[in-house]
Amino acid sequence: MASYRPHVILSAATSLDGKIATKSGDSRFSSKKDKMRVYKLRATVDAILVGKNTVRRDDPILTVHQVKGKNPTRIILDSKATISTRSRIIKTCNKIPTIIAVSKKAPKKNLAKLEKFPLKVIVLGNNTVNIKKLLQNLWQLGIRKILVEGGGTVNWEFVNQNLFDEIIITVTPFLVGGDDSVSIIKGKGFSKITKSRKLQLEKILHLKNEVVLHYTKSR
């Protein structure tokens, strides 16, 4: 039972050159039609997971908008519990189930701030959050399907540790460039193609000037 984990879907909107944000943090790539598609996708999962950088940069609320469905549980990877108490995630945690995953390096003063709010704090890992153990913990909490919405560092951890099942990417008609812009996958990267994760293209959806690519992980 301990080896079980939720089904994990990586989701992102990228520029044609694989960026999910510009060097200034602008990540407004998707059209209204694609945003509606994402909202519908969110309504089918039990939880949405993002990293602390995404919360700091975009201040998302991570809910279902304009479509029928229950808001999924929000999970924030935040090793040192640095999330701002002024963020929309914290401000709405009394209405939407919220989990902050931290490591043992999280300062007590930061944890004390979070204790004032109706959310769940999970401590896993020494210096950074142990994602594999987190997924096992979430399974035990009844979470069966998770939508991971990045950013690049978080995406790399799931890919590197082979802890994902599907990838859904919207390719938008923009070229961003820049060494300091955010790629869909960051981290150390694989040294050889043979070491990378092999994917199987399942579906292509055309949304006027955008293309949604749906891949599953090859077995």
Protein backbone atom coordinates (compact mmCIF):
# COMPACT_ATOMS: atom_id res chain seq x y z
CA MET A 1 0.00 0.00 0.00
CA ALA A 2 2.84 2.42 0.84
CA SER A 3 4.11 2.24 -2.76
CA TYR A 4 0.83 3.53 -4.18
CA ARG A 5 0.66 7.09 -5.42
CA PRO A 6 -1.90 9.30 -7.19
CA HIS A 7 -2.10 9.53 -10.97
CA VAL A 8 -0.01 12.60 -11.91
CA ILE A 9 -0.69 14.89 -14.88
CA LEU A 10 1.84 17.61 -15.76
CA SER A 11 0.13 20.59 -17.36
CA ALA A 12 1.55 23.77 -18.88
CA ALA A 13 1.16 26.42 -21.56
CA THR A 14 4.39 27.23 -23.36
CA SER A 15 5.75 29.48 -26.03
CA LEU A 16 6.87 27.85 -29.27
CA ASP A 17 10.39 27.72 -27.83
CA GLY A 18 9.34 25.94 -24.65
CA LYS A 19 9.12 28.83 -22.18
CA ILE A 20 6.41 29.06 -19.51
CA ALA A 21 7.32 32.60 -18.42
CA THR A 22 9.42 35.51 -19.64
CA LYS A 23 12.44 36.78 -17.71
CA SER A 24 10.13 39.28 -15.98
CA GLY A 25 7.73 36.53 -14.93
CA ASP A 26 4.97 37.16 -17.48
CA SER A 27 3.23 33.83 -18.13
CA ARG A 28 0.05 34.98 -19.88
CA PHE A 29 0.35 32.70 -22.89
CA SER A 30 -3.04 30.96 -23.05
CA SER A 31 -6.14 32.12 -24.90
CA LYS A 32 -9.53 32.26 -23.17
CA LYS A 33 -10.52 29.02 -24.87
CA ASP A 34 -7.48 27.20 -23.53
CA LYS A 35 -8.04 28.60 -20.05
CA MET A 36 -11.55 27.14 -20.13
CA ARG A 37 -10.06 23.79 -21.13
CA VAL A 38 -7.73 23.94 -18.13
CA TYR A 39 -10.58 24.84 -15.77
CA LYS A 40 -12.51 21.80 -17.00
CA LEU A 41 -9.40 19.66 -16.49
CA ARG A 42 -9.00 20.98 -12.94
CA ALA A 43 -12.57 19.95 -12.20
CA THR A 44 -11.66 16.31 -12.94
CA VAL A 45 -8.76 16.00 -10.47
CA ASP A 46 -8.56 15.75 -6.69
CA ALA A 47 -5.69 18.20 -6.25
CA ILE A 48 -3.56 20.85 -7.98
CA LEU A 49 0.12 21.13 -7.13
CA VAL A 50 2.47 24.07 -7.74
CA GLY A 51 5.77 25.30 -6.34
CA LYS A 52 6.45 28.32 -4.16
CA ASN A 53 7.93 30.25 -7.10
CA THR A 54 4.68 30.00 -9.03
CA VAL A 55 2.78 31.33 -6.02
CA ARG A 56 5.22 34.22 -5.59
CA ARG A 57 5.30 35.11 -9.28
CA ASP A 58 1.64 34.65 -10.30
CA ASP A 59 -0.28 34.74 -7.00
CA PRO A 60 -2.74 32.17 -8.42
CA ILE A 61 -5.93 31.05 -6.72
CA LEU A 62 -5.93 27.61 -8.44
CA THR A 63 -9.67 27.12 -8.58
CA VAL A 64 -12.29 26.03 -11.10
CA HIS A 65 -13.67 29.09 -12.91
CA GLN A 66 -16.80 29.38 -15.02
CA VAL A 67 -17.33 25.62 -15.21
CA LYS A 68 -19.22 23.15 -13.07
CA GLY A 69 -17.18 21.14 -10.63
CA LYS A 70 -15.65 21.09 -7.19
CA ASN A 71 -12.48 23.04 -6.48
CA PRO A 72 -9.62 20.56 -6.02
CA THR A 73 -7.33 20.60 -2.99
CA ARG A 74 -4.40 22.97 -3.49
CA ILE A 75 -0.91 21.68 -2.70
CA ILE A 76 2.07 24.05 -2.46
CA LEU A 77 5.65 22.79 -2.42
CA ASP A 78 7.43 25.19 -0.12
CA SER A 79 10.47 23.66 1.61
CA LYS A 80 11.05 26.56 4.01
CA ALA A 81 7.40 27.63 4.42
CA THR A 82 8.04 31.04 2.91
CA ILE A 83 4.61 31.49 1.31
CA SER A 84 3.24 34.96 1.94
CA THR A 85 0.25 35.13 4.25
CA ARG A 86 -1.04 37.83 1.90
CA SER A 87 -1.17 35.42 -1.05
CA ARG A 88 -4.55 34.46 -2.45
CA ILE A 89 -3.83 30.83 -1.58
CA ILE A 90 -3.62 31.66 2.14
CA LYS A 91 -6.44 34.21 2.05
CA THR A 92 -8.86 31.61 0.65
CA CYS A 93 -7.74 28.51 2.56
CA ASN A 94 -10.82 28.75 4.77
CA LYS A 95 -12.95 28.04 1.70
CA ILE A 96 -10.71 25.71 -0.36
CA PRO A 97 -8.75 22.77 1.10
CA THR A 98 -5.06 23.70 1.12
CA ILE A 99 -1.90 21.73 1.90
CA ILE A 100 1.55 23.27 2.34
CA ALA A 101 4.32 20.68 1.95
CA VAL A 102 7.52 21.71 3.74
CA SER A 103 10.85 20.15 4.72
CA LYS A 104 12.51 19.86 8.12
CA LYS A 105 14.47 23.02 7.21
CA ALA A 106 11.35 25.17 7.54
CA PRO A 107 11.96 27.75 10.32
CA LYS A 108 9.68 27.46 13.34
CA LYS A 109 8.62 31.09 12.96
CA ASN A 110 7.37 30.41 9.44
CA LEU A 111 5.48 27.33 10.58
CA ALA A 112 3.97 29.33 13.43
CA LYS A 113 2.52 31.80 10.91
CA LEU A 114 0.88 28.97 8.97
CA GLU A 115 -0.59 27.46 12.14
CA LYS A 116 -2.89 30.50 12.38
CA PHE A 117 -4.72 29.43 9.22
CA PRO A 118 -7.12 26.53 8.51
CA LEU A 119 -4.74 24.57 6.30
CA LYS A 120 -2.70 21.36 6.56
CA VAL A 121 1.10 21.40 6.80
CA ILE A 122 2.95 18.22 5.84
CA VAL A 123 6.63 17.91 6.78
CA LEU A 124 8.57 15.57 4.50
CA GLY A 125 12.27 15.57 3.60
CA ASN A 126 15.35 17.07 5.21
CA ASN A 127 16.39 19.99 2.99
CA THR A 128 13.69 19.81 0.33
CA VAL A 129 10.27 18.20 0.17
CA ASN A 130 10.47 14.49 -0.57
CA ILE A 131 8.03 14.28 -3.48
CA LYS A 132 7.80 10.50 -3.54
CA LYS A 133 6.83 10.37 0.13
CA LEU A 134 4.47 13.30 -0.38
CA LEU A 135 2.60 11.42 -3.11
CA GLN A 136 2.33 8.37 -0.85
CA ASN A 137 1.00 10.60 1.93
CA LEU A 138 -1.54 12.19 -0.42
CA TRP A 139 -2.71 8.74 -1.52
CA GLN A 140 -3.39 7.88 2.10
CA LEU A 141 -5.44 11.08 2.36
CA GLY A 142 -7.66 9.83 -0.46
CA ILE A 143 -6.18 11.92 -3.28
CA ARG A 144 -6.13 9.81 -6.45
CA LYS A 145 -5.41 12.27 -9.26
CA ILE A 146 -3.14 15.33 -9.20
CA LEU A 147 -2.65 18.11 -11.74
CA VAL A 148 0.88 19.55 -11.52
CA GLU A 149 1.02 23.10 -12.89
CA GLY A 150 4.74 23.76 -12.47
CA GLY A 151 6.91 25.72 -12.69
CA GLY A 152 10.04 24.46 -14.30
CA THR A 153 11.85 23.33 -11.16
CA VAL A 154 8.86 21.36 -9.88
CA ASN A 155 8.27 19.83 -13.31
CA TRP A 156 11.89 18.65 -13.42
CA GLU A 157 11.59 16.90 -10.08
CA PHE A 158 8.54 14.93 -11.22
CA VAL A 159 10.17 14.05 -14.55
CA ASN A 160 13.58 13.25 -13.05
CA GLN A 161 12.07 10.97 -10.41
CA ASN A 162 9.70 9.42 -12.96
CA LEU A 163 6.69 10.35 -10.84
CA PHE A 164 4.24 11.30 -13.57
CA ASP A 165 1.81 9.57 -15.94
CA GLU A 166 0.64 12.18 -18.45
CA ILE A 167 1.79 15.51 -19.88
CA ILE A 168 -0.60 18.00 -21.46
CA ILE A 169 1.07 20.99 -23.10
CA THR A 170 -0.52 23.90 -24.91
CA VAL A 171 1.88 25.31 -27.50
CA THR A 172 1.10 28.98 -28.04
CA PRO A 173 2.14 31.27 -30.95
CA PHE A 174 4.87 33.19 -29.14
CA LEU A 175 8.65 33.21 -29.23
CA VAL A 176 10.20 34.35 -25.96
CA GLY A 177 13.90 33.45 -25.92
CA GLY A 178 16.25 34.59 -23.18
CA ASP A 179 18.59 32.69 -20.90
CA ASP A 180 16.71 34.01 -17.86
CA SER A 181 13.20 33.11 -19.02
CA VAL A 182 11.57 30.06 -17.46
CA SER A 183 11.61 26.77 -19.38
CA ILE A 184 8.92 24.15 -18.92
CA ILE A 185 11.60 21.83 -17.51
CA LYS A 186 14.54 23.25 -15.55
CA GLY A 187 16.88 21.47 -13.15
CA LYS A 188 20.05 19.62 -14.16
CA GLY A 189 18.47 17.90 -17.14
CA PHE A 190 19.41 14.56 -18.67
CA SER A 191 22.89 14.16 -20.15
CA LYS A 192 21.73 11.87 -22.96
CA ILE A 193 18.49 11.39 -24.91
CA THR A 194 18.56 7.72 -23.96
CA LYS A 195 18.21 8.73 -20.30
CA SER A 196 15.22 11.00 -20.86
CA ARG A 197 11.59 9.93 -20.42
CA LYS A 198 10.01 8.47 -23.52
CA LEU A 199 6.47 9.65 -24.24
CA GLN A 200 3.60 8.44 -26.39
CA LEU A 201 1.48 11.01 -28.24
CA GLU A 202 -2.17 10.26 -27.53
CA LYS A 203 -4.07 13.26 -28.83
CA ILE A 204 -3.69 16.60 -30.62
CA LEU A 205 -6.28 19.33 -30.10
CA HIS A 206 -6.33 22.43 -32.32
CA LEU A 207 -7.60 25.63 -30.67
CA LYS A 208 -7.45 28.17 -33.49
CA ASN A 209 -3.86 29.42 -33.15
CA GLU A 210 -2.83 27.01 -30.39
CA VAL A 211 -2.11 23.29 -30.27
CA VAL A 212 -2.71 21.09 -27.22
CA LEU A 213 -0.45 18.05 -27.11
CA HIS A 214 -1.48 15.17 -24.86
CA TYR A 215 1.22 12.60 -24.08
CA THR A 216 1.30 9.58 -21.84
CA LYS A 217 4.47 8.02 -20.46
CA SER A 218 5.63 5.01 -22.42
CA ARG A 219 5.72 1.82 -20.39
